[in-house]
PDB file of N, CA and C in Angstrom:
ATOM      1  N   MET A   1     111.680  78.301 -23.669  1.00  0.00           N
ATOM      2  CA  MET A   1     112.843  77.953 -22.865  1.00  0.00           C
ATOM      3  C   MET A   1     113.099  79.107 -21.884  1.00  0.00           C
ATOM      4  N   PRO A   2     113.223  78.810 -20.572  1.00  0.00           N
ATOM      5  CA  PRO A   2     113.455  79.882 -19.594  1.00  0.00           C
ATOM      6  C   PRO A   2     114.850  80.469 -19.769  1.00  0.00           C
ATOM      7  N   PRO A   3     114.996  81.746 -19.433  1.00  0.00           N
ATOM      8  CA  PRO A   3     116.324  82.354 -19.558  1.00  0.00           C
ATOM      9  C   PRO A   3     117.304  81.686 -18.609  1.00  0.00           C
ATOM     10  N   GLU A   4     118.553  81.697 -18.992  1.00  0.00           N
ATOM     11  CA  GLU A   4     119.602  81.105 -18.176  1.00  0.00           C
ATOM     12  C   GLU A   4     119.740  81.905 -16.885  1.00  0.00           C
ATOM     13  N   ARG A   5     119.756  81.221 -15.747  1.00  0.00           N
ATOM     14  CA  ARG A   5     119.906  81.925 -14.473  1.00  0.00           C
ATOM     15  C   ARG A   5     121.371  82.228 -14.257  1.00  0.00           C
ATOM     16  N   GLN A   6     121.646  83.464 -14.040  1.00  0.00           N
ATOM     17  CA  GLN A   6     123.031  83.896 -13.835  1.00  0.00           C
ATOM     18  C   GLN A   6     122.982  85.079 -12.871  1.00  0.00           C
ATOM     19  N   PRO A   7     122.969  84.788 -11.547  1.00  0.00           N
ATOM     20  CA  PRO A   7     122.760  85.857 -10.580  1.00  0.00           C
ATOM     21  C   PRO A   7     123.889  86.869 -10.514  1.00  0.00           C
ATOM     22  N   TYR A   8     125.069  86.481 -10.867  1.00  0.00           N
ATOM     23  CA  TYR A   8     126.199  87.393 -10.778  1.00  0.00           C
ATOM     24  C   TYR A   8     126.681  87.795 -12.151  1.00  0.00           C
ATOM     25  N   ALA A   9     127.042  89.078 -12.271  1.00  0.00           N
ATOM     26  CA  ALA A   9     127.519  89.601 -13.550  1.00  0.00           C
ATOM     27  C   ALA A   9     128.800  88.908 -13.987  1.00  0.00           C
ATOM     28  N   ASP A  10     129.563  88.375 -13.026  1.00  0.00           N
ATOM     29  CA  ASP A  10     130.820  87.717 -13.392  1.00  0.00           C
ATOM     30  C   ASP A  10     130.622  86.241 -13.705  1.00  0.00           C
ATOM     31  N   GLY A  11     129.356  85.789 -13.751  1.00  0.00           N
ATOM     32  CA  GLY A  11     129.066  84.426 -14.169  1.00  0.00           C
ATOM     33  C   GLY A  11     129.105  83.379 -13.062  1.00  0.00           C
ATOM     34  N   ARG A  12     129.275  83.809 -11.811  1.00  0.00           N
ATOM     35  CA  ARG A  12     129.284  82.826 -10.722  1.00  0.00           C
ATOM     36  C   ARG A  12     127.928  82.142 -10.639  1.00  0.00           C
ATOM     37  N   PRO A  13     127.898  80.820 -10.465  1.00  0.00           N
ATOM     38  CA  PRO A  13     126.620  80.111 -10.373  1.00  0.00           C
ATOM     39  C   PRO A  13     125.938  80.366  -9.026  1.00  0.00           C
ATOM     40  N   ASP A  14     124.656  79.994  -8.940  1.00  0.00           N
ATOM     41  CA  ASP A  14     123.882  80.201  -7.713  1.00  0.00           C
ATOM     42  C   ASP A  14     124.578  79.659  -6.470  1.00  0.00           C
ATOM     43  N   ASP A  15     125.198  78.478  -6.585  1.00  0.00           N
ATOM     44  CA  ASP A  15     125.797  77.874  -5.392  1.00  0.00           C
ATOM     45  C   ASP A  15     127.062  78.596  -4.928  1.00  0.00           C
ATOM     46  N   ALA A  16     127.533  79.550  -5.716  1.00  0.00           N
ATOM     47  CA  ALA A  16     128.693  80.353  -5.314  1.00  0.00           C
ATOM     48  C   ALA A  16     128.240  81.657  -4.654  1.00  0.00           C
ATOM     49  N   ARG A  17     126.940  81.798  -4.465  1.00  0.00           N
ATOM     50  CA  ARG A  17     126.365  82.995  -3.861  1.00  0.00           C
ATOM     51  C   ARG A  17     126.701  83.096  -2.380  1.00  0.00           C
ATOM     52  N   PRO A  18     127.180  84.237  -1.936  1.00  0.00           N
ATOM     53  CA  PRO A  18     127.420  84.398  -0.505  1.00  0.00           C
ATOM     54  C   PRO A  18     126.098  84.582   0.238  1.00  0.00           C
ATOM     55  N   PRO A  19     126.106  84.472   1.573  1.00  0.00           N
ATOM     56  CA  PRO A  19     124.883  84.701   2.350  1.00  0.00           C
ATOM     57  C   PRO A  19     124.341  86.109   2.091  1.00  0.00           C
ATOM     58  N   VAL A  20     123.061  86.316   2.368  1.00  0.00           N
ATOM     59  CA  VAL A  20     122.396  87.585   2.072  1.00  0.00           C
ATOM     60  C   VAL A  20     123.157  88.786   2.634  1.00  0.00           C
ATOM     61  N   ALA A  21     123.592  88.717   3.888  1.00  0.00           N
ATOM     62  CA  ALA A  21     124.298  89.855   4.492  1.00  0.00           C
ATOM     63  C   ALA A  21     125.529  90.216   3.665  1.00  0.00           C
ATOM     64  N   ASP A  22     126.245  89.217   3.161  1.00  0.00           N
ATOM     65  CA  ASP A  22     127.429  89.478   2.346  1.00  0.00           C
ATOM     66  C   ASP A  22     127.048  90.034   0.973  1.00  0.00           C
ATOM     67  N   ARG A  23     125.905  89.569   0.440  1.00  0.00           N
ATOM     68  CA  ARG A  23     125.478  90.060  -0.870  1.00  0.00           C
ATOM     69  C   ARG A  23     125.185  91.560  -0.828  1.00  0.00           C
ATOM     70  N   LEU A  24     124.728  92.054   0.319  1.00  0.00           N
ATOM     71  CA  LEU A  24     124.425  93.479   0.442  1.00  0.00           C
ATOM     72  C   LEU A  24     125.679  94.325   0.262  1.00  0.00           C
ATOM     73  N   ASP A  25     126.826  93.764   0.597  1.00  0.00           N
ATOM     74  CA  ASP A  25     128.101  94.475   0.466  1.00  0.00           C
ATOM     75  C   ASP A  25     128.828  94.146  -0.831  1.00  0.00           C
ATOM     76  N   ASP A  26     128.289  93.238  -1.627  1.00  0.00           N
ATOM     77  CA  ASP A  26     128.956  92.737  -2.824  1.00  0.00           C
ATOM     78  C   ASP A  26     128.710  93.672  -4.008  1.00  0.00           C
ATOM     79  N   ASP A  27     129.770  94.315  -4.499  1.00  0.00           N
ATOM     80  CA  ASP A  27     129.643  95.243  -5.623  1.00  0.00           C
ATOM     81  C   ASP A  27     129.200  94.566  -6.915  1.00  0.00           C
ATOM     82  N   HIS A  28     129.291  93.232  -6.975  1.00  0.00           N
ATOM     83  CA  HIS A  28     128.952  92.528  -8.215  1.00  0.00           C
ATOM     84  C   HIS A  28     127.592  91.824  -8.142  1.00  0.00           C
ATOM     85  N   PHE A  29     126.885  91.973  -7.029  1.00  0.00           N
ATOM     86  CA  PHE A  29     125.562  91.357  -6.928  1.00  0.00           C
ATOM     87  C   PHE A  29     124.553  92.194  -7.713  1.00  0.00           C
ATOM     88  N   PRO A  30     123.814  91.592  -8.632  1.00  0.00           N
ATOM     89  CA  PRO A  30     122.888  92.345  -9.497  1.00  0.00           C
ATOM     90  C   PRO A  30     121.593  92.708  -8.773  1.00  0.00           C
ATOM     91  N   ALA A  31     121.639  93.770  -7.985  1.00  0.00           N
ATOM     92  CA  ALA A  31     120.517  94.132  -7.124  1.00  0.00           C
ATOM     93  C   ALA A  31     119.565  95.161  -7.717  1.00  0.00           C
ATOM     94  N   TYR A  32     119.962  95.840  -8.802  1.00  0.00           N
ATOM     95  CA  TYR A  32     119.180  96.977  -9.280  1.00  0.00           C
ATOM     96  C   TYR A  32     118.438  96.686 -10.582  1.00  0.00           C
ATOM     97  N   THR A  33     117.166  97.049 -10.602  1.00  0.00           N
ATOM     98  CA  THR A  33     116.376  96.942 -11.828  1.00  0.00           C
ATOM     99  C   THR A  33     116.843  98.021 -12.794  1.00  0.00           C
ATOM    100  N   MET A  34     116.451  97.893 -14.049  1.00  0.00           N
ATOM    101  CA  MET A  34     116.856  98.894 -15.033  1.00  0.00           C
ATOM    102  C   MET A  34     116.356 100.280 -14.640  1.00  0.00           C
ATOM    103  N   GLY A  35     115.113 100.390 -14.209  1.00  0.00           N
ATOM    104  CA  GLY A  35     114.560 101.688 -13.840  1.00  0.00           C
ATOM    105  C   GLY A  35     115.332 102.335 -12.699  1.00  0.00           C
ATOM    106  N   ARG A  36     115.626 101.547 -11.676  1.00  0.00           N
ATOM    107  CA  ARG A  36     116.375 102.075 -10.527  1.00  0.00           C
ATOM    108  C   ARG A  36     117.810 102.399 -10.943  1.00  0.00           C
ATOM    109  N   ALA A  37     118.409 101.541 -11.743  1.00  0.00           N
ATOM    110  CA  ALA A  37     119.784 101.775 -12.214  1.00  0.00           C
ATOM    111  C   ALA A  37     119.854 103.078 -13.000  1.00  0.00           C
ATOM    112  N   ALA A  38     118.915 103.277 -13.913  1.00  0.00           N
ATOM    113  CA  ALA A  38     118.898 104.495 -14.723  1.00  0.00           C
ATOM    114  C   ALA A  38     118.740 105.720 -13.823  1.00  0.00           C
ATOM    115  N   GLU A  39     117.862 105.609 -12.838  1.00  0.00           N
ATOM    116  CA  GLU A  39     117.631 106.711 -11.900  1.00  0.00           C
ATOM    117  C   GLU A  39     118.914 107.037 -11.123  1.00  0.00           C
ATOM    118  N   LEU A  40     119.580 106.023 -10.615  1.00  0.00           N
ATOM    119  CA  LEU A  40     120.803 106.228  -9.828  1.00  0.00           C
ATOM    120  C   LEU A  40     121.934 106.829 -10.664  1.00  0.00           C
ATOM    121  N   VAL A  41     122.031 106.390 -11.915  1.00  0.00           N
ATOM    122  CA  VAL A  41     123.094 106.868 -12.798  1.00  0.00           C
ATOM    123  C   VAL A  41     122.752 108.248 -13.373  1.00  0.00           C
ATOM    124  N   GLY A  42     121.453 108.576 -13.394  1.00  0.00           N
ATOM    125  CA  GLY A  42     121.035 109.835 -13.994  1.00  0.00           C
ATOM    126  C   GLY A  42     121.002 109.725 -15.505  1.00  0.00           C
ATOM    127  N   ALA A  43     120.626 108.542 -15.974  1.00  0.00           N
ATOM    128  CA  ALA A  43     120.590 108.280 -17.414  1.00  0.00           C
ATOM    129  C   ALA A  43     119.251 107.642 -17.756  1.00  0.00           C
ATOM    130  N   THR A  44     119.054 107.374 -19.018  1.00  0.00           N
ATOM    131  CA  THR A  44     117.824 106.714 -19.466  1.00  0.00           C
ATOM    132  C   THR A  44     118.068 105.213 -19.603  1.00  0.00           C
ATOM    133  N   PRO A  45     116.995 104.426 -19.568  1.00  0.00           N
ATOM    134  CA  PRO A  45     117.155 102.997 -19.852  1.00  0.00           C
ATOM    135  C   PRO A  45     117.807 102.767 -21.221  1.00  0.00           C
ATOM    136  N   ALA A  46     117.503 103.621 -22.198  1.00  0.00           N
ATOM    137  CA  ALA A  46     118.111 103.479 -23.531  1.00  0.00           C
ATOM    138  C   ALA A  46     119.630 103.640 -23.448  1.00  0.00           C
ATOM    139  N   PHE A  47     120.102 104.541 -22.588  1.00  0.00           N
ATOM    140  CA  PHE A  47     121.548 104.726 -22.420  1.00  0.00           C
ATOM    141  C   PHE A  47     122.157 103.455 -21.842  1.00  0.00           C
ATOM    142  N   LEU A  48     121.505 102.870 -20.841  1.00  0.00           N
ATOM    143  CA  LEU A  48     122.018 101.617 -20.254  1.00  0.00           C
ATOM    144  C   LEU A  48     122.030 100.498 -21.292  1.00  0.00           C
ATOM    145  N   ARG A  49     120.987 100.441 -22.118  1.00  0.00           N
ATOM    146  CA  ARG A  49     120.958  99.415 -23.179  1.00  0.00           C
ATOM    147  C   ARG A  49     122.099  99.647 -24.161  1.00  0.00           C
ATOM    148  N   ALA A  50     122.391 100.917 -24.477  1.00  0.00           N
ATOM    149  CA  ALA A  50     123.500 101.237 -25.395  1.00  0.00           C
ATOM    150  C   ALA A  50     124.828 100.779 -24.807  1.00  0.00           C
ATOM    151  N   LEU A  51     124.992 100.917 -23.491  1.00  0.00           N
ATOM    152  CA  LEU A  51     126.229 100.453 -22.846  1.00  0.00           C
ATOM    153  C   LEU A  51     126.319  98.932 -22.911  1.00  0.00           C
ATOM    154  N   GLY A  52     125.178  98.274 -22.851  1.00  0.00           N
ATOM    155  CA  GLY A  52     125.145  96.819 -23.005  1.00  0.00           C
ATOM    156  C   GLY A  52     125.516  96.410 -24.418  1.00  0.00           C
ATOM    157  N   GLU A  53     124.988  97.144 -25.401  1.00  0.00           N
ATOM    158  CA  GLU A  53     125.303  96.850 -26.802  1.00  0.00           C
ATOM    159  C   GLU A  53     126.778  97.088 -27.089  1.00  0.00           C
ATOM    160  N   ALA A  54     127.365  98.084 -26.414  1.00  0.00           N
ATOM    161  CA  ALA A  54     128.793  98.374 -26.585  1.00  0.00           C
ATOM    162  C   ALA A  54     129.653  97.434 -25.738  1.00  0.00           C
ATOM    163  N   GLU A  55     128.995  96.535 -25.003  1.00  0.00           N
ATOM    164  CA  GLU A  55     129.645  95.511 -24.175  1.00  0.00           C
ATOM    165  C   GLU A  55     130.465  96.090 -23.024  1.00  0.00           C
ATOM    166  N   LEU A  56     130.092  97.295 -22.555  1.00  0.00           N
ATOM    167  CA  LEU A  56     130.739  97.827 -21.361  1.00  0.00           C
ATOM    168  C   LEU A  56     130.184  97.120 -20.136  1.00  0.00           C
ATOM    169  N   ILE A  57     128.876  96.979 -20.102  1.00  0.00           N
ATOM    170  CA  ILE A  57     128.233  96.275 -18.997  1.00  0.00           C
ATOM    171  C   ILE A  57     127.269  95.252 -19.580  1.00  0.00           C
ATOM    172  N   THR A  58     127.219  94.097 -18.971  1.00  0.00           N
ATOM    173  CA  THR A  58     126.296  93.056 -19.398  1.00  0.00           C
ATOM    174  C   THR A  58     125.424  92.724 -18.198  1.00  0.00           C
ATOM    175  N   PRO A  59     124.209  93.270 -18.174  1.00  0.00           N
ATOM    176  CA  PRO A  59     123.355  92.991 -17.026  1.00  0.00           C
ATOM    177  C   PRO A  59     122.977  91.527 -16.976  1.00  0.00           C
ATOM    178  N   THR A  60     122.750  91.046 -15.766  1.00  0.00           N
ATOM    179  CA  THR A  60     122.219  89.696 -15.642  1.00  0.00           C
ATOM    180  C   THR A  60     120.718  89.792 -15.872  1.00  0.00           C
ATOM    181  N   ARG A  61     120.084  88.667 -16.012  1.00  0.00           N
ATOM    182  CA  ARG A  61     118.638  88.651 -16.242  1.00  0.00           C
ATOM    183  C   ARG A  61     117.962  87.921 -15.092  1.00  0.00           C
ATOM    184  N   SER A  62     116.858  88.491 -14.627  1.00  0.00           N
ATOM    185  CA  SER A  62     116.065  87.825 -13.602  1.00  0.00           C
ATOM    186  C   SER A  62     115.373  86.629 -14.265  1.00  0.00           C
ATOM    187  N   GLU A  63     114.709  85.812 -13.464  1.00  0.00           N
ATOM    188  CA  GLU A  63     114.004  84.663 -14.042  1.00  0.00           C
ATOM    189  C   GLU A  63     112.947  85.120 -15.034  1.00  0.00           C
ATOM    190  N   GLY A  64     112.404  86.317 -14.825  1.00  0.00           N
ATOM    191  CA  GLY A  64     111.401  86.849 -15.737  1.00  0.00           C
ATOM    192  C   GLY A  64     112.006  87.550 -16.948  1.00  0.00           C
ATOM    193  N   GLY A  65     113.348  87.560 -17.043  1.00  0.00           N
ATOM    194  CA  GLY A  65     114.018  88.153 -18.191  1.00  0.00           C
ATOM    195  C   GLY A  65     114.344  89.632 -18.046  1.00  0.00           C
ATOM    196  N   HIS A  66     114.102  90.190 -16.863  1.00  0.00           N
ATOM    197  CA  HIS A  66     114.386  91.614 -16.650  1.00  0.00           C
ATOM    198  C   HIS A  66     115.867  91.835 -16.344  1.00  0.00           C
ATOM    199  N   ARG A  67     116.394  92.939 -16.857  1.00  0.00           N
ATOM    200  CA  ARG A  67     117.800  93.260 -16.618  1.00  0.00           C
ATOM    201  C   ARG A  67     118.007  93.635 -15.158  1.00  0.00           C
ATOM    202  N   ARG A  68     119.144  93.178 -14.612  1.00  0.00           N
ATOM    203  CA  ARG A  68     119.552  93.521 -13.252  1.00  0.00           C
ATOM    204  C   ARG A  68     121.000  93.989 -13.303  1.00  0.00           C
ATOM    205  N   TYR A  69     121.277  95.070 -12.585  1.00  0.00           N
ATOM    206  CA  TYR A  69     122.604  95.682 -12.594  1.00  0.00           C
ATOM    207  C   TYR A  69     123.225  95.643 -11.210  1.00  0.00           C
ATOM    208  N   SER A  70     124.543  95.526 -11.176  1.00  0.00           N
ATOM    209  CA  SER A  70     125.290  95.545  -9.916  1.00  0.00           C
ATOM    210  C   SER A  70     125.807  96.959  -9.646  1.00  0.00           C
ATOM    211  N   ARG A  71     126.247  97.198  -8.422  1.00  0.00           N
ATOM    212  CA  ARG A  71     126.827  98.504  -8.094  1.00  0.00           C
ATOM    213  C   ARG A  71     128.043  98.787  -8.969  1.00  0.00           C
ATOM    214  N   HIS A  72     128.863  97.756  -9.200  1.00  0.00           N
ATOM    215  CA  HIS A  72     130.046  97.943 -10.053  1.00  0.00           C
ATOM    216  C   HIS A  72     129.621  98.402 -11.450  1.00  0.00           C
ATOM    217  N   GLN A  73     128.595  97.763 -12.004  1.00  0.00           N
ATOM    218  CA  GLN A  73     128.103  98.156 -13.326  1.00  0.00           C
ATOM    219  C   GLN A  73     127.561  99.582 -13.308  1.00  0.00           C
ATOM    220  N   LEU A  74     126.920  99.973 -12.214  1.00  0.00           N
ATOM    221  CA  LEU A  74     126.396 101.336 -12.115  1.00  0.00           C
ATOM    222  C   LEU A  74     127.540 102.351 -12.061  1.00  0.00           C
ATOM    223  N   LYS A  75     128.637 101.984 -11.410  1.00  0.00           N
ATOM    224  CA  LYS A  75     129.805 102.874 -11.372  1.00  0.00           C
ATOM    225  C   LYS A  75     130.367 103.060 -12.784  1.00  0.00           C
ATOM    226  N   LEU A  76     130.435 101.980 -13.548  1.00  0.00           N
ATOM    227  CA  LEU A  76     130.911 102.067 -14.935  1.00  0.00           C
ATOM    228  C   LEU A  76     129.956 102.909 -15.779  1.00  0.00           C
ATOM    229  N   ALA A  77     128.654 102.695 -15.577  1.00  0.00           N
ATOM    230  CA  ALA A  77     127.655 103.456 -16.338  1.00  0.00           C
ATOM    231  C   ALA A  77     127.731 104.944 -15.988  1.00  0.00           C
ATOM    232  N   ALA A  78     127.944 105.253 -14.714  1.00  0.00           N
ATOM    233  CA  ALA A  78     128.054 106.652 -14.297  1.00  0.00           C
ATOM    234  C   ALA A  78     129.290 107.299 -14.932  1.00  0.00           C
ATOM    235  N   ARG A  79     130.391 106.546 -14.997  1.00  0.00           N
ATOM    236  CA  ARG A  79     131.610 107.054 -15.632  1.00  0.00           C
ATOM    237  C   ARG A  79     131.354 107.289 -17.129  1.00  0.00           C
ATOM    238  N   ALA A  80     130.634 106.362 -17.759  1.00  0.00           N
ATOM    239  CA  ALA A  80     130.307 106.515 -19.183  1.00  0.00           C
ATOM    240  C   ALA A  80     129.449 107.755 -19.394  1.00  0.00           C
ATOM    241  N   ARG A  81     128.485 107.959 -18.518  1.00  0.00           N
ATOM    242  CA  ARG A  81     127.615 109.134 -18.649  1.00  0.00           C
ATOM    243  C   ARG A  81     128.444 110.409 -18.516  1.00  0.00           C
ATOM    244  N   GLU A  82     129.383 110.410 -17.590  1.00  0.00           N
ATOM    245  CA  GLU A  82     130.276 111.563 -17.391  1.00  0.00           C
ATOM    246  C   GLU A  82     131.044 111.875 -18.688  1.00  0.00           C
ATOM    247  N   LEU A  83     131.619 110.840 -19.288  1.00  0.00           N
ATOM    248  CA  LEU A  83     132.387 111.030 -20.524  1.00  0.00           C
ATOM    249  C   LEU A  83     131.492 111.484 -21.680  1.00  0.00           C
ATOM    250  N   VAL A  84     130.319 110.878 -21.787  1.00  0.00           N
ATOM    251  CA  VAL A  84     129.393 111.238 -22.863  1.00  0.00           C
ATOM    252  C   VAL A  84     128.914 112.680 -22.674  1.00  0.00           C
ATOM    253  N   ASP A  85     128.664 113.063 -21.426  1.00  0.00           N
ATOM    254  CA  ASP A  85     128.251 114.446 -21.150  1.00  0.00           C
ATOM    255  C   ASP A  85     129.339 115.436 -21.547  1.00  0.00           C
ATOM    256  N   GLN A  86     130.590 114.981 -21.555  1.00  0.00           N
ATOM    257  CA  GLN A  86     131.713 115.844 -21.950  1.00  0.00           C
ATOM    258  C   GLN A  86     131.933 115.820 -23.472  1.00  0.00           C
ATOM    259  N   GLY A  87     131.080 115.071 -24.186  1.00  0.00           N
ATOM    260  CA  GLY A  87     131.161 115.058 -25.640  1.00  0.00           C
ATOM    261  C   GLY A  87     131.829 113.830 -26.247  1.00  0.00           C
ATOM    262  N   THR A  88     132.181 112.857 -25.425  1.00  0.00           N
ATOM    263  CA  THR A  88     132.802 111.635 -25.937  1.00  0.00           C
ATOM    264  C   THR A  88     131.727 110.719 -26.521  1.00  0.00           C
ATOM    265  N   PRO A  89     131.909 110.201 -27.718  1.00  0.00           N
ATOM    266  CA  PRO A  89     130.928 109.239 -28.256  1.00  0.00           C
ATOM    267  C   PRO A  89     130.846 107.994 -27.364  1.00  0.00           C
ATOM    268  N   VAL A  90     129.669 107.391 -27.302  1.00  0.00           N
ATOM    269  CA  VAL A  90     129.438 106.239 -26.411  1.00  0.00           C
ATOM    270  C   VAL A  90     130.459 105.136 -26.639  1.00  0.00           C
ATOM    271  N   ASP A  91     130.720 104.763 -27.894  1.00  0.00           N
ATOM    272  CA  ASP A  91     131.653 103.660 -28.140  1.00  0.00           C
ATOM    273  C   ASP A  91     133.060 104.003 -27.647  1.00  0.00           C
ATOM    274  N   ALA A  92     133.481 105.245 -27.830  1.00  0.00           N
ATOM    275  CA  ALA A  92     134.811 105.663 -27.353  1.00  0.00           C
ATOM    276  C   ALA A  92     134.832 105.694 -25.834  1.00  0.00           C
ATOM    277  N   ALA A  93     133.754 106.168 -25.213  1.00  0.00           N
ATOM    278  CA  ALA A  93     133.668 106.191 -23.746  1.00  0.00           C
ATOM    279  C   ALA A  93     133.806 104.771 -23.198  1.00  0.00           C
ATOM    280  N   CYS A  94     133.161 103.827 -23.839  1.00  0.00           N
ATOM    281  CA  CYS A  94     133.226 102.429 -23.391  1.00  0.00           C
ATOM    282  C   CYS A  94     134.644 101.879 -23.526  1.00  0.00           C
ATOM    283  N   ARG A  95     135.323 102.225 -24.606  1.00  0.00           N
ATOM    284  CA  ARG A  95     136.716 101.776 -24.766  1.00  0.00           C
ATOM    285  C   ARG A  95     137.601 102.395 -23.691  1.00  0.00           C
ATOM    286  N   ILE A  96     137.411 103.674 -23.424  1.00  0.00           N
ATOM    287  CA  ILE A  96     138.203 104.358 -22.394  1.00  0.00           C
ATOM    288  C   ILE A  96     137.999 103.686 -21.036  1.00  0.00           C
ATOM    289  N   ILE A  97     136.746 103.432 -20.691  1.00  0.00           N
ATOM    290  CA  ILE A  97     136.443 102.829 -19.391  1.00  0.00           C
ATOM    291  C   ILE A  97     137.002 101.413 -19.311  1.00  0.00           C
ATOM    292  N   GLY A  98     136.914 100.669 -20.402  1.00  0.00           N
ATOM    293  CA  GLY A  98     137.504  99.326 -20.428  1.00  0.00           C
ATOM    294  C   GLY A  98     138.995  99.383 -20.164  1.00  0.00           C
ATOM    295  N   LEU A  99     139.663 100.359 -20.766  1.00  0.00           N
ATOM    296  CA  LEU A  99     141.108 100.520 -20.544  1.00  0.00           C
ATOM    297  C   LEU A  99     141.399 100.970 -19.118  1.00  0.00           C
ATOM    298  N   GLU A 100     140.573 101.858 -18.580  1.00  0.00           N
ATOM    299  CA  GLU A 100     140.751 102.282 -17.188  1.00  0.00           C
ATOM    300  C   GLU A 100     140.609 101.098 -16.242  1.00  0.00           C
ATOM    301  N   GLU A 101     139.631 100.243 -16.512  1.00  0.00           N
ATOM    302  CA  GLU A 101     139.412  99.047 -15.687  1.00  0.00           C
ATOM    303  C   GLU A 101     140.621  98.108 -15.759  1.00  0.00           C
ATOM    304  N   ARG A 102     141.123  97.883 -16.973  1.00  0.00           N
ATOM    305  CA  ARG A 102     142.285  97.002 -17.138  1.00  0.00           C
ATOM    306  C   ARG A 102     143.500  97.582 -16.430  1.00  0.00           C
ATOM    307  N   LEU A 103     143.709  98.892 -16.554  1.00  0.00           N
ATOM    308  CA  LEU A 103     144.832  99.539 -15.887  1.00  0.00           C
ATOM    309  C   LEU A 103     144.726  99.376 -14.373  1.00  0.00           C
ATOM    310  N   GLU A 104     143.530  99.563 -13.845  1.00  0.00           N
ATOM    311  CA  GLU A 104     143.318  99.408 -12.405  1.00  0.00           C
ATOM    312  C   GLU A 104     143.642  97.974 -11.966  1.00  0.00           C
ATOM    313  N   GLN A 105     143.217  96.982 -12.748  1.00  0.00           N
ATOM    314  CA  GLN A 105     143.510  95.581 -12.421  1.00  0.00           C
ATOM    315  C   GLN A 105     145.012  95.324 -12.432  1.00  0.00           C
ATOM    316  N   VAL A 106     145.695  95.843 -13.446  1.00  0.00           N
ATOM    317  CA  VAL A 106     147.141  95.649 -13.558  1.00  0.00           C
ATOM    318  C   VAL A 106     147.860  96.332 -12.401  1.00  0.00           C
ATOM    319  N   GLU A 107     147.408  97.526 -12.031  1.00  0.00           N
ATOM    320  CA  GLU A 107     148.026  98.225 -10.899  1.00  0.00           C
ATOM    321  C   GLU A 107     147.836  97.451  -9.601  1.00  0.00           C
ATOM    322  N   ARG A 108     146.635  96.878  -9.399  1.00  0.00           N
ATOM    323  CA  ARG A 108     146.388  96.055  -8.192  1.00  0.00           C
ATOM    324  C   ARG A 108     147.301  94.839  -8.193  1.00  0.00           C
ATOM    325  N   LEU A 109     147.397  94.159  -9.326  1.00  0.00           N
ATOM    326  CA  LEU A 109     148.253  92.977  -9.442  1.00  0.00           C
ATOM    327  C   LEU A 109     149.709  93.351  -9.199  1.00  0.00           C
ATOM    328  N   ASN A 110     150.154  94.449  -9.782  1.00  0.00           N
ATOM    329  CA  ASN A 110     151.526  94.916  -9.611  1.00  0.00           C
ATOM    330  C   ASN A 110     151.821  95.177  -8.128  1.00  0.00           C
ATOM    331  N   GLU A 111     150.899  95.831  -7.440  1.00  0.00           N
ATOM    332  CA  GLU A 111     151.074  96.116  -6.009  1.00  0.00           C
ATOM    333  C   GLU A 111     151.135  94.820  -5.209  1.00  0.00           C
ATOM    334  N   GLU A 112     150.272  93.869  -5.560  1.00  0.00           N
ATOM    335  CA  GLU A 112     150.260  92.569  -4.895  1.00  0.00           C
ATOM    336  C   GLU A 112     151.601  91.852  -5.088  1.00  0.00           C
ATOM    337  N   LEU A 113     152.119  91.876  -6.305  1.00  0.00           N
ATOM    338  CA  LEU A 113     153.410  91.233  -6.594  1.00  0.00           C
ATOM    339  C   LEU A 113     154.554  91.931  -5.866  1.00  0.00           C
ATOM    340  N   ARG A 114     154.506  93.248  -5.789  1.00  0.00           N
ATOM    341  CA  ARG A 114     155.540  93.987  -5.045  1.00  0.00           C
ATOM    342  C   ARG A 114     155.533  93.608  -3.573  1.00  0.00           C
ATOM    343  N   ARG A 115     154.318  93.512  -2.999  1.00  0.00           N
ATOM    344  CA  ARG A 115     154.214  93.111  -1.586  1.00  0.00           C
ATOM    345  C   ARG A 115     154.756  91.706  -1.392  1.00  0.00           C
ATOM    346  N   ARG A 116     154.401  90.809  -2.304  1.00  0.00           N
ATOM    347  CA  ARG A 116     154.860  89.420  -2.218  1.00  0.00           C
ATOM    348  C   ARG A 116     156.387  89.364  -2.307  1.00  0.00           C
ATOM    349  N   ASP A 117     156.971  90.123  -3.245  1.00  0.00           N
ATOM    350  CA  ASP A 117     158.432  90.171  -3.381  1.00  0.00           C
ATOM    351  C   ASP A 117     159.078  90.723  -2.129  1.00  0.00           C
ATOM    352  N   ALA A 118     158.479  91.764  -1.553  1.00  0.00           N
ATOM    353  CA  ALA A 118     159.022  92.358  -0.325  1.00  0.00           C
ATOM    354  C   ALA A 118     158.956  91.355   0.827  1.00  0.00           C
ATOM    355  N   ASP A 119     157.827  90.629   0.942  1.00  0.00           N
ATOM    356  CA  ASP A 119     157.700  89.610   1.987  1.00  0.00           C
ATOM    357  C   ASP A 119     158.722  88.501   1.804  1.00  0.00           C
ATOM    358  N   THR A 120     158.920  88.077   0.566  1.00  0.00           N
ATOM    359  CA  THR A 120     159.892  87.019   0.259  1.00  0.00           C
ATOM    360  C   THR A 120     161.303  87.485   0.638  1.00  0.00           C
ATOM    361  N   ALA A 121     161.628  88.712   0.304  1.00  0.00           N
ATOM    362  CA  ALA A 121     162.966  89.256   0.621  1.00  0.00           C
ATOM    363  C   ALA A 121     163.169  89.321   2.125  1.00  0.00           C
ATOM    364  N   VAL A 122     162.147  89.709   2.888  1.00  0.00           N
ATOM    365  CA  VAL A 122     162.262  89.799   4.350  1.00  0.00           C
ATOM    366  C   VAL A 122     162.456  88.406   4.931  1.00  0.00           C
ATOM    367  N   HIS A 123     161.719  87.423   4.452  1.00  0.00           N
ATOM    368  CA  HIS A 123     161.826  86.062   4.974  1.00  0.00           C
ATOM    369  C   HIS A 123     163.143  85.399   4.619  1.00  0.00           C
ATOM    370  N   GLN A 124     163.730  85.764   3.499  1.00  0.00           N
ATOM    371  CA  GLN A 124     165.005  85.160   3.091  1.00  0.00           C
ATOM    372  C   GLN A 124     166.152  85.670   3.951  1.00  0.00           C
ATOM    373  N   HIS A 125     166.011  86.845   4.511  1.00  0.00           N
ATOM    374  CA  HIS A 125     167.091  87.424   5.332  1.00  0.00           C
ATOM    375  C   HIS A 125     166.988  87.008   6.795  1.00  0.00           C
ATOM    376  N   HIS A 126     165.945  86.277   7.153  1.00  0.00           N
ATOM    377  CA  HIS A 126     165.796  85.858   8.557  1.00  0.00           C
ATOM    378  C   HIS A 126     166.086  84.418   8.763  1.00  0.00           C
TER     379      HIS A 126
END
């Protein structure tokens, strides 16, 4: 049975793929092979596999079953390597990064809601 095609780490199907020019700018497009990803992060393929096992990053698979990583995943892996280099165990580093990611999402949402509230208040006074 061929591996499930899943070009994007966030699970978007093929037909949700943006044009090539847009994919080059897409932080979630799985453009990097394991070897290149490890090289860019300054880690070993085993370290990247450990991050996958800890569920920090889940690489997509090419049709041939090879792992592919996105720029966003490489940023997370680089942060994990930084924490591990400082003596943090891999599983704890992954939990920390997961919490940092959630905090960043909540802060973005909070800012969006504040802007929306401010816009609503301005429109109600006019």
